[in-house]
Every structure is written in C-alpha cells, then in structure tokens.
PDB file of N, CA and C in Angstrom:
ATOM      1  N   MET A   1       0.844  -1.176   0.000  1.00  0.00           N
ATOM      2  CA  MET A   1       0.000   0.000   0.000  1.00  0.00           C
ATOM      3  C   MET A   1       0.891   1.242   0.000  1.00  0.00           C
ATOM      4  N   THR A   2       0.619   2.166  -0.892  1.00  0.00           N
ATOM      5  CA  THR A   2       1.397   3.392  -1.007  1.00  0.00           C
ATOM      6  C   THR A   2       0.576   4.561  -0.468  1.00  0.00           C
ATOM      7  N   ILE A   3       1.204   5.326   0.388  1.00  0.00           N
ATOM      8  CA  ILE A   3       0.556   6.524   0.926  1.00  0.00           C
ATOM      9  C   ILE A   3       1.175   7.730   0.233  1.00  0.00           C
ATOM     10  N   VAL A   4       0.341   8.549  -0.343  1.00  0.00           N
ATOM     11  CA  VAL A   4       0.813   9.746  -1.026  1.00  0.00           C
ATOM     12  C   VAL A   4       0.548  10.951  -0.131  1.00  0.00           C
ATOM     13  N   LYS A   5       1.594  11.718   0.117  1.00  0.00           N
ATOM     14  CA  LYS A   5       1.453  12.930   0.923  1.00  0.00           C
ATOM     15  C   LYS A   5       1.667  14.134   0.026  1.00  0.00           C
ATOM     16  N   GLU A   6       0.863  15.130   0.215  1.00  0.00           N
ATOM     17  CA  GLU A   6       0.976  16.353  -0.577  1.00  0.00           C
ATOM     18  C   GLU A   6       1.237  17.513   0.358  1.00  0.00           C
ATOM     19  N   TYR A   7       2.245  18.293   0.010  1.00  0.00           N
ATOM     20  CA  TYR A   7       2.578  19.478   0.794  1.00  0.00           C
ATOM     21  C   TYR A   7       2.375  20.706  -0.081  1.00  0.00           C
ATOM     22  N   ARG A   8       1.750  21.696   0.465  1.00  0.00           N
ATOM     23  CA  ARG A   8       1.537  22.937  -0.275  1.00  0.00           C
ATOM     24  C   ARG A   8       2.196  24.081   0.468  1.00  0.00           C
ATOM     25  N   ILE A   9       2.862  24.920  -0.309  1.00  0.00           N
ATOM     26  CA  ILE A   9       3.511  26.096   0.256  1.00  0.00           C
ATOM     27  C   ILE A   9       2.781  27.318  -0.286  1.00  0.00           C
ATOM     28  N   ARG A  10       2.257  28.107   0.601  1.00  0.00           N
ATOM     29  CA  ARG A  10       1.538  29.307   0.175  1.00  0.00           C
ATOM     30  C   ARG A  10       2.526  30.362  -0.275  1.00  0.00           C
ATOM     31  N   ASN A  11       2.199  31.041  -1.336  1.00  0.00           N
ATOM     32  CA  ASN A  11       3.036  32.111  -1.865  1.00  0.00           C
ATOM     33  C   ASN A  11       2.331  33.439  -1.587  1.00  0.00           C
ATOM     34  N   ASN A  12       3.093  34.449  -1.228  1.00  0.00           N
ATOM     35  CA  ASN A  12       2.482  35.734  -0.874  1.00  0.00           C
ATOM     36  C   ASN A  12       2.382  36.683  -2.059  1.00  0.00           C
ATOM     37  N   CYS A  13       2.508  36.156  -3.279  1.00  0.00           N
ATOM     38  CA  CYS A  13       2.368  37.015  -4.457  1.00  0.00           C
ATOM     39  C   CYS A  13       1.654  36.236  -5.562  1.00  0.00           C
ATOM     40  N   THR A  14       1.202  36.967  -6.554  1.00  0.00           N
ATOM     41  CA  THR A  14       0.522  36.331  -7.682  1.00  0.00           C
ATOM     42  C   THR A  14       1.552  35.697  -8.609  1.00  0.00           C
ATOM     43  N   VAL A  15       1.073  34.911  -9.553  1.00  0.00           N
ATOM     44  CA  VAL A  15       1.969  34.268 -10.522  1.00  0.00           C
ATOM     45  C   VAL A  15       2.682  35.327 -11.355  1.00  0.00           C
ATOM     46  N   GLU A  16       1.989  36.371 -11.749  1.00  0.00           N
ATOM     47  CA  GLU A  16       2.603  37.438 -12.547  1.00  0.00           C
ATOM     48  C   GLU A  16       3.674  38.172 -11.743  1.00  0.00           C
ATOM     49  N   GLU A  17       3.403  38.445 -10.468  1.00  0.00           N
ATOM     50  CA  GLU A  17       4.414  39.089  -9.618  1.00  0.00           C
ATOM     51  C   GLU A  17       5.628  38.192  -9.438  1.00  0.00           C
ATOM     52  N   TYR A  18       5.405  36.883  -9.291  1.00  0.00           N
ATOM     53  CA  TYR A  18       6.507  35.938  -9.149  1.00  0.00           C
ATOM     54  C   TYR A  18       7.360  35.901 -10.413  1.00  0.00           C
ATOM     55  N   ARG A  19       6.714  35.907 -11.586  1.00  0.00           N
ATOM     56  CA  ARG A  19       7.440  35.894 -12.866  1.00  0.00           C
ATOM     57  C   ARG A  19       8.342  37.117 -12.985  1.00  0.00           C
ATOM     58  N   ILE A  20       7.823  38.279 -12.628  1.00  0.00           N
ATOM     59  CA  ILE A  20       8.612  39.513 -12.687  1.00  0.00           C
ATOM     60  C   ILE A  20       9.763  39.453 -11.686  1.00  0.00           C
ATOM     61  N   ALA A  21       9.496  38.951 -10.484  1.00  0.00           N
ATOM     62  CA  ALA A  21      10.542  38.841  -9.464  1.00  0.00           C
ATOM     63  C   ALA A  21      11.636  37.874  -9.891  1.00  0.00           C
ATOM     64  N   GLN A  22      11.256  36.783 -10.554  1.00  0.00           N
ATOM     65  CA  GLN A  22      12.237  35.811 -11.039  1.00  0.00           C
ATOM     66  C   GLN A  22      13.139  36.450 -12.099  1.00  0.00           C
ATOM     67  N   LEU A  23      12.568  37.180 -13.028  1.00  0.00           N
ATOM     68  CA  LEU A  23      13.368  37.861 -14.053  1.00  0.00           C
ATOM     69  C   LEU A  23      14.301  38.887 -13.419  1.00  0.00           C
ATOM     70  N   TYR A  24      13.811  39.618 -12.424  1.00  0.00           N
ATOM     71  CA  TYR A  24      14.630  40.608 -11.733  1.00  0.00           C
ATOM     72  C   TYR A  24      15.793  39.940 -11.014  1.00  0.00           C
ATOM     73  N   ALA A  25      15.531  38.830 -10.319  1.00  0.00           N
ATOM     74  CA  ALA A  25      16.579  38.141  -9.566  1.00  0.00           C
ATOM     75  C   ALA A  25      17.677  37.616 -10.487  1.00  0.00           C
ATOM     76  N   VAL A  26      17.297  37.078 -11.642  1.00  0.00           N
ATOM     77  CA  VAL A  26      18.292  36.576 -12.595  1.00  0.00           C
ATOM     78  C   VAL A  26      19.118  37.729 -13.150  1.00  0.00           C
ATOM     79  N   ALA A  27      18.480  38.847 -13.487  1.00  0.00           N
ATOM     80  CA  ALA A  27      19.204  40.007 -14.012  1.00  0.00           C
ATOM     81  C   ALA A  27      20.145  40.586 -12.963  1.00  0.00           C
ATOM     82  N   LYS A  28      19.700  40.661 -11.716  1.00  0.00           N
ATOM     83  CA  LYS A  28      20.527  41.197 -10.631  1.00  0.00           C
ATOM     84  C   LYS A  28      21.742  40.302 -10.385  1.00  0.00           C
ATOM     85  N   MET A  29      21.565  38.985 -10.394  1.00  0.00           N
ATOM     86  CA  MET A  29      22.666  38.054 -10.208  1.00  0.00           C
ATOM     87  C   MET A  29      23.676  38.173 -11.343  1.00  0.00           C
ATOM     88  N   SER A  30      23.182  38.294 -12.568  1.00  0.00           N
ATOM     89  CA  SER A  30      24.067  38.442 -13.722  1.00  0.00           C
ATOM     90  C   SER A  30      24.894  39.723 -13.607  1.00  0.00           C
ATOM     91  N   LEU A  31      24.273  40.803 -13.174  1.00  0.00           N
ATOM     92  CA  LEU A  31      24.970  42.075 -13.015  1.00  0.00           C
ATOM     93  C   LEU A  31      26.050  41.981 -11.941  1.00  0.00           C
ATOM     94  N   ASN A  32      25.732  41.321 -10.820  1.00  0.00           N
ATOM     95  CA  ASN A  32      26.699  41.187  -9.729  1.00  0.00           C
ATOM     96  C   ASN A  32      27.894  40.318 -10.102  1.00  0.00           C
ATOM     97  N   GLU A  33      27.700  39.368 -11.005  1.00  0.00           N
ATOM     98  CA  GLU A  33      28.775  38.447 -11.383  1.00  0.00           C
ATOM     99  C   GLU A  33      29.598  38.962 -12.566  1.00  0.00           C
ATOM    100  N   THR A  34      29.251  40.106 -13.122  1.00  0.00           N
ATOM    101  CA  THR A  34      29.919  40.621 -14.310  1.00  0.00           C
ATOM    102  C   THR A  34      30.894  41.723 -13.934  1.00  0.00           C
ATOM    103  N   GLY A  35      32.061  41.691 -14.578  1.00  0.00           N
ATOM    104  CA  GLY A  35      33.054  42.730 -14.359  1.00  0.00           C
ATOM    105  C   GLY A  35      34.446  42.249 -14.697  1.00  0.00           C
ATOM    106  N   GLY A  36      35.308  43.149 -15.128  1.00  0.00           N
ATOM    107  CA  GLY A  36      36.686  42.801 -15.433  1.00  0.00           C
ATOM    108  C   GLY A  36      36.834  41.860 -16.617  1.00  0.00           C
ATOM    109  N   GLY A  37      35.915  41.924 -17.594  1.00  0.00           N
ATOM    110  CA  GLY A  37      35.999  41.048 -18.753  1.00  0.00           C
ATOM    111  C   GLY A  37      35.412  39.671 -18.524  1.00  0.00           C
ATOM    112  N   GLU A  38      34.860  39.435 -17.356  1.00  0.00           N
ATOM    113  CA  GLU A  38      34.248  38.147 -17.050  1.00  0.00           C
ATOM    114  C   GLU A  38      32.784  38.358 -16.718  1.00  0.00           C
ATOM    115  N   GLY A  39      32.069  37.257 -16.655  1.00  0.00           N
ATOM    116  CA  GLY A  39      30.667  37.330 -16.270  1.00  0.00           C
ATOM    117  C   GLY A  39      29.746  37.012 -17.421  1.00  0.00           C
ATOM    118  N   VAL A  40      28.594  37.669 -17.444  1.00  0.00           N
ATOM    119  CA  VAL A  40      27.545  37.369 -18.403  1.00  0.00           C
ATOM    120  C   VAL A  40      27.411  38.511 -19.401  1.00  0.00           C
ATOM    121  N   GLU A  41      27.361  38.150 -20.671  1.00  0.00           N
ATOM    122  CA  GLU A  41      27.134  39.121 -21.746  1.00  0.00           C
ATOM    123  C   GLU A  41      25.785  38.780 -22.372  1.00  0.00           C
ATOM    124  N   VAL A  42      24.805  39.656 -22.227  1.00  0.00           N
ATOM    125  CA  VAL A  42      23.464  39.420 -22.762  1.00  0.00           C
ATOM    126  C   VAL A  42      23.384  40.018 -24.161  1.00  0.00           C
ATOM    127  N   LEU A  43      23.215  39.154 -25.173  1.00  0.00           N
ATOM    128  CA  LEU A  43      23.142  39.622 -26.552  1.00  0.00           C
ATOM    129  C   LEU A  43      21.703  39.866 -27.000  1.00  0.00           C
ATOM    130  N   LYS A  44      20.778  39.031 -26.541  1.00  0.00           N
ATOM    131  CA  LYS A  44      19.366  39.215 -26.870  1.00  0.00           C
ATOM    132  C   LYS A  44      18.541  39.023 -25.611  1.00  0.00           C
ATOM    133  N   ASN A  45      17.539  39.862 -25.451  1.00  0.00           N
ATOM    134  CA  ASN A  45      16.599  39.750 -24.343  1.00  0.00           C
ATOM    135  C   ASN A  45      15.279  40.316 -24.851  1.00  0.00           C
ATOM    136  N   GLU A  46      14.424  39.422 -25.329  1.00  0.00           N
ATOM    137  CA  GLU A  46      13.191  39.878 -25.971  1.00  0.00           C
ATOM    138  C   GLU A  46      12.041  38.931 -25.627  1.00  0.00           C
ATOM    139  N   PRO A  47      10.817  39.454 -25.611  1.00  0.00           N
ATOM    140  CA  PRO A  47       9.661  38.588 -25.341  1.00  0.00           C
ATOM    141  C   PRO A  47       9.376  37.671 -26.526  1.00  0.00           C
ATOM    142  N   TYR A  48       8.768  36.515 -26.242  1.00  0.00           N
ATOM    143  CA  TYR A  48       8.368  35.608 -27.313  1.00  0.00           C
ATOM    144  C   TYR A  48       6.944  35.134 -27.047  1.00  0.00           C
ATOM    145  N   ASP A  49       6.289  34.703 -28.106  1.00  0.00           N
ATOM    146  CA  ASP A  49       4.949  34.131 -28.030  1.00  0.00           C
ATOM    147  C   ASP A  49       4.848  33.115 -29.162  1.00  0.00           C
ATOM    148  N   ASN A  50       5.022  31.834 -28.835  1.00  0.00           N
ATOM    149  CA  ASN A  50       4.981  30.783 -29.846  1.00  0.00           C
ATOM    150  C   ASN A  50       4.267  29.559 -29.291  1.00  0.00           C
ATOM    151  N   GLU A  51       4.504  28.371 -29.900  1.00  0.00           N
ATOM    152  CA  GLU A  51       3.810  27.158 -29.469  1.00  0.00           C
ATOM    153  C   GLU A  51       4.144  26.761 -28.026  1.00  0.00           C
ATOM    154  N   MET A  52       5.269  27.259 -27.489  1.00  0.00           N
ATOM    155  CA  MET A  52       5.648  26.969 -26.099  1.00  0.00           C
ATOM    156  C   MET A  52       4.902  27.878 -25.125  1.00  0.00           C
ATOM    157  N   GLY A  53       4.283  28.908 -25.617  1.00  0.00           N
ATOM    158  CA  GLY A  53       3.585  29.857 -24.752  1.00  0.00           C
ATOM    159  C   GLY A  53       4.230  31.230 -24.844  1.00  0.00           C
ATOM    160  N   LYS A  54       4.031  32.042 -23.817  1.00  0.00           N
ATOM    161  CA  LYS A  54       4.604  33.381 -23.773  1.00  0.00           C
ATOM    162  C   LYS A  54       5.696  33.420 -22.721  1.00  0.00           C
ATOM    163  N   GLY A  55       6.699  34.264 -22.960  1.00  0.00           N
ATOM    164  CA  GLY A  55       7.778  34.400 -21.994  1.00  0.00           C
ATOM    165  C   GLY A  55       8.877  35.305 -22.513  1.00  0.00           C
ATOM    166  N   GLN A  56      10.081  35.100 -22.006  1.00  0.00           N
ATOM    167  CA  GLN A  56      11.233  35.933 -22.339  1.00  0.00           C
ATOM    168  C   GLN A  56      12.324  35.053 -22.939  1.00  0.00           C
ATOM    169  N   TYR A  57      12.814  35.434 -24.117  1.00  0.00           N
ATOM    170  CA  TYR A  57      13.920  34.729 -24.771  1.00  0.00           C
ATOM    171  C   TYR A  57      15.207  35.495 -24.501  1.00  0.00           C
ATOM    172  N   THR A  58      16.246  34.785 -24.090  1.00  0.00           N
ATOM    173  CA  THR A  58      17.549  35.421 -23.881  1.00  0.00           C
ATOM    174  C   THR A  58      18.641  34.597 -24.543  1.00  0.00           C
ATOM    175  N   TYR A  59      19.610  35.297 -25.096  1.00  0.00           N
ATOM    176  CA  TYR A  59      20.821  34.669 -25.629  1.00  0.00           C
ATOM    177  C   TYR A  59      21.988  35.301 -24.890  1.00  0.00           C
ATOM    178  N   LYS A  60      22.724  34.469 -24.139  1.00  0.00           N
ATOM    179  CA  LYS A  60      23.794  34.982 -23.285  1.00  0.00           C
ATOM    180  C   LYS A  60      25.094  34.254 -23.589  1.00  0.00           C
ATOM    181  N   ILE A  61      26.198  34.956 -23.319  1.00  0.00           N
ATOM    182  CA  ILE A  61      27.522  34.357 -23.374  1.00  0.00           C
ATOM    183  C   ILE A  61      28.130  34.498 -21.986  1.00  0.00           C
ATOM    184  N   TYR A  62      28.543  33.368 -21.414  1.00  0.00           N
ATOM    185  CA  TYR A  62      29.184  33.362 -20.108  1.00  0.00           C
ATOM    186  C   TYR A  62      30.695  33.292 -20.291  1.00  0.00           C
ATOM    187  N   HIS A  63      31.405  34.260 -19.754  1.00  0.00           N
ATOM    188  CA  HIS A  63      32.866  34.280 -19.774  1.00  0.00           C
ATOM    189  C   HIS A  63      33.334  33.816 -18.392  1.00  0.00           C
ATOM    190  N   LEU A  64      33.876  32.600 -18.326  1.00  0.00           N
ATOM    191  CA  LEU A  64      34.192  31.998 -17.032  1.00  0.00           C
ATOM    192  C   LEU A  64      35.504  32.496 -16.439  1.00  0.00           C
ATOM    193  N   GLY A  65      36.573  32.517 -17.218  1.00  0.00           N
ATOM    194  CA  GLY A  65      37.856  33.043 -16.756  1.00  0.00           C
ATOM    195  C   GLY A  65      38.293  32.525 -15.410  1.00  0.00           C
ATOM    196  N   SER A  66      38.317  33.387 -14.397  1.00  0.00           N
ATOM    197  CA  SER A  66      38.837  33.026 -13.079  1.00  0.00           C
ATOM    198  C   SER A  66      37.888  32.128 -12.282  1.00  0.00           C
ATOM    199  N   ARG A  67      36.721  31.803 -12.803  1.00  0.00           N
ATOM    200  CA  ARG A  67      35.785  30.913 -12.105  1.00  0.00           C
ATOM    201  C   ARG A  67      36.251  29.456 -12.164  1.00  0.00           C
ATOM    202  N   VAL A  68      37.174  29.166 -13.076  1.00  0.00           N
ATOM    203  CA  VAL A  68      37.728  27.814 -13.215  1.00  0.00           C
ATOM    204  C   VAL A  68      38.964  27.715 -12.328  1.00  0.00           C
ATOM    205  N   PRO A  69      39.177  26.574 -11.662  1.00  0.00           N
ATOM    206  CA  PRO A  69      40.356  26.442 -10.802  1.00  0.00           C
ATOM    207  C   PRO A  69      41.660  26.729 -11.546  1.00  0.00           C
ATOM    208  N   ALA A  70      42.612  27.333 -10.835  1.00  0.00           N
ATOM    209  CA  ALA A  70      43.873  27.786 -11.436  1.00  0.00           C
ATOM    210  C   ALA A  70      44.678  26.651 -12.058  1.00  0.00           C
ATOM    211  N   TYR A  71      44.618  25.460 -11.512  1.00  0.00           N
ATOM    212  CA  TYR A  71      45.403  24.360 -12.062  1.00  0.00           C
ATOM    213  C   TYR A  71      44.806  23.799 -13.359  1.00  0.00           C
ATOM    214  N   ILE A  72      43.545  24.128 -13.655  1.00  0.00           N
ATOM    215  CA  ILE A  72      42.906  23.666 -14.890  1.00  0.00           C
ATOM    216  C   ILE A  72      43.075  24.678 -16.017  1.00  0.00           C
ATOM    217  N   ARG A  73      43.115  25.973 -15.700  1.00  0.00           N
ATOM    218  CA  ARG A  73      43.192  27.029 -16.721  1.00  0.00           C
ATOM    219  C   ARG A  73      44.316  26.852 -17.733  1.00  0.00           C
ATOM    220  N   PRO A  74      45.551  26.493 -17.337  1.00  0.00           N
ATOM    221  CA  PRO A  74      46.609  26.351 -18.345  1.00  0.00           C
ATOM    222  C   PRO A  74      46.413  25.147 -19.273  1.00  0.00           C
ATOM    223  N   ILE A  75      45.629  24.185 -18.846  1.00  0.00           N
ATOM    224  CA  ILE A  75      45.461  22.950 -19.619  1.00  0.00           C
ATOM    225  C   ILE A  75      44.445  23.115 -20.744  1.00  0.00           C
ATOM    226  N   ILE A  76      43.351  23.824 -20.474  1.00  0.00           N
ATOM    227  CA  ILE A  76      42.281  23.920 -21.463  1.00  0.00           C
ATOM    228  C   ILE A  76      42.430  25.180 -22.304  1.00  0.00           C
ATOM    229  N   PRO A  77      41.937  25.145 -23.545  1.00  0.00           N
ATOM    230  CA  PRO A  77      42.021  26.339 -24.405  1.00  0.00           C
ATOM    231  C   PRO A  77      41.108  27.465 -23.900  1.00  0.00           C
ATOM    232  N   LYS A  78      41.454  28.691 -24.269  1.00  0.00           N
ATOM    233  CA  LYS A  78      40.699  29.874 -23.824  1.00  0.00           C
ATOM    234  C   LYS A  78      39.240  29.831 -24.268  1.00  0.00           C
ATOM    235  N   ASP A  79      38.985  29.315 -25.490  1.00  0.00           N
ATOM    236  CA  ASP A  79      37.605  29.303 -25.976  1.00  0.00           C
ATOM    237  C   ASP A  79      36.746  28.275 -25.245  1.00  0.00           C
ATOM    238  N   ALA A  80      37.351  27.375 -24.472  1.00  0.00           N
ATOM    239  CA  ALA A  80      36.575  26.439 -23.653  1.00  0.00           C
ATOM    240  C   ALA A  80      36.031  27.121 -22.401  1.00  0.00           C
ATOM    241  N   LEU A  81      36.489  28.327 -22.108  1.00  0.00           N
ATOM    242  CA  LEU A  81      36.012  29.078 -20.944  1.00  0.00           C
ATOM    243  C   LEU A  81      34.857  30.010 -21.305  1.00  0.00           C
ATOM    244  N   ILE A  82      34.300  29.832 -22.500  1.00  0.00           N
ATOM    245  CA  ILE A  82      33.174  30.655 -22.954  1.00  0.00           C
ATOM    246  C   ILE A  82      31.995  29.727 -23.249  1.00  0.00           C
ATOM    247  N   LEU A  83      30.871  29.984 -22.603  1.00  0.00           N
ATOM    248  CA  LEU A  83      29.661  29.183 -22.804  1.00  0.00           C
ATOM    249  C   LEU A  83      28.575  30.042 -23.426  1.00  0.00           C
ATOM    250  N   HIS A  84      27.848  29.477 -24.394  1.00  0.00           N
ATOM    251  CA  HIS A  84      26.730  30.160 -25.035  1.00  0.00           C
ATOM    252  C   HIS A  84      25.434  29.527 -24.534  1.00  0.00           C
ATOM    253  N   GLU A  85      24.465  30.366 -24.159  1.00  0.00           N
ATOM    254  CA  GLU A  85      23.193  29.870 -23.641  1.00  0.00           C
ATOM    255  C   GLU A  85      22.032  30.555 -24.342  1.00  0.00           C
ATOM    256  N   GLU A  86      21.089  29.746 -24.816  1.00  0.00           N
ATOM    257  CA  GLU A  86      19.816  30.241 -25.314  1.00  0.00           C
ATOM    258  C   GLU A  86      18.754  29.762 -24.336  1.00  0.00           C
ATOM    259  N   ALA A  87      17.901  30.647 -23.870  1.00  0.00           N
ATOM    260  CA  ALA A  87      16.889  30.270 -22.887  1.00  0.00           C
ATOM    261  C   ALA A  87      15.542  30.878 -23.243  1.00  0.00           C
ATOM    262  N   TRP A  88      14.513  30.057 -23.100  1.00  0.00           N
ATOM    263  CA  TRP A  88      13.139  30.499 -23.261  1.00  0.00           C
ATOM    264  C   TRP A  88      12.497  30.383 -21.886  1.00  0.00           C
ATOM    265  N   ASN A  89      12.363  31.495 -21.189  1.00  0.00           N
ATOM    266  CA  ASN A  89      11.841  31.511 -19.830  1.00  0.00           C
ATOM    267  C   ASN A  89      10.379  31.951 -19.863  1.00  0.00           C
ATOM    268  N   GLY A  90       9.500  31.000 -19.692  1.00  0.00           N
ATOM    269  CA  GLY A  90       8.072  31.285 -19.637  1.00  0.00           C
ATOM    270  C   GLY A  90       7.496  30.585 -18.421  1.00  0.00           C
ATOM    271  N   TYR A  91       7.473  31.288 -17.293  1.00  0.00           N
ATOM    272  CA  TYR A  91       7.037  30.665 -16.040  1.00  0.00           C
ATOM    273  C   TYR A  91       5.717  29.955 -16.233  1.00  0.00           C
ATOM    274  N   PRO A  92       5.555  28.734 -15.814  1.00  0.00           N
ATOM    275  CA  PRO A  92       6.458  27.905 -15.034  1.00  0.00           C
ATOM    276  C   PRO A  92       7.384  27.035 -15.864  1.00  0.00           C
ATOM    277  N   HIS A  93       7.388  27.175 -17.180  1.00  0.00           N
ATOM    278  CA  HIS A  93       8.234  26.336 -18.034  1.00  0.00           C
ATOM    279  C   HIS A  93       9.466  27.097 -18.488  1.00  0.00           C
ATOM    280  N   CYS A  94      10.589  26.414 -18.484  1.00  0.00           N
ATOM    281  CA  CYS A  94      11.853  27.033 -18.910  1.00  0.00           C
ATOM    282  C   CYS A  94      12.616  26.034 -19.754  1.00  0.00           C
ATOM    283  N   LYS A  95      13.076  26.469 -20.925  1.00  0.00           N
ATOM    284  CA  LYS A  95      13.877  25.622 -21.804  1.00  0.00           C
ATOM    285  C   LYS A  95      15.208  26.324 -22.035  1.00  0.00           C
ATOM    286  N   THR A  96      16.305  25.643 -21.726  1.00  0.00           N
ATOM    287  CA  THR A  96      17.637  26.220 -21.888  1.00  0.00           C
ATOM    288  C   THR A  96      18.465  25.332 -22.769  1.00  0.00           C
TER     289      THR A  96
END
C-alpha cells in the first residue's frame, strides 16, 4: 500500500508578480557576477509568443575566466572558458 502525501507552500504574491521577481533576480545576479571582462554578456533579451507559450527569450555568453580552478586554466584552451546559452523563460516552463 502506497501513501501519497501532498505538501503545499503558500506564496504571498501572484503568478505574474513571481514571474517579474524571477526575471529581476536573474538580471541582478548576472549584473553582480559581471566585471573585469568576465561574467555574463546578454546579446538578446526579448519577449516571445509561440507554441511553447509566452515568456522571455535570452541569448547569453558566459565568460568563465577566473571561475575555473587555477590548475585547470593552463590545460584547457581559452575558448573552452566561454559558454553560449539560449533560454526560453516562460514561467512555469523554462527551456535552456
């Protein structure tokens, strides 16, 4: 016999307020982690409306640099420290 338990956490904001807060938190984190030629470079940030629904499309380049341990940096090529990300953020669904 299997017993299923359900837990619910009440949220103090609407879904739309949460979506805006999530976008703000991601943008604030990206800003704090950027500087000195490293961090996040946002190339596209635009709304979308397609078969996946509505949301925000972003194309970012992450420059890792000093985020990788010092003993690994000399071994790997410089272009391996750059990551490209395409993301479709449409709360509650996200595709990266």
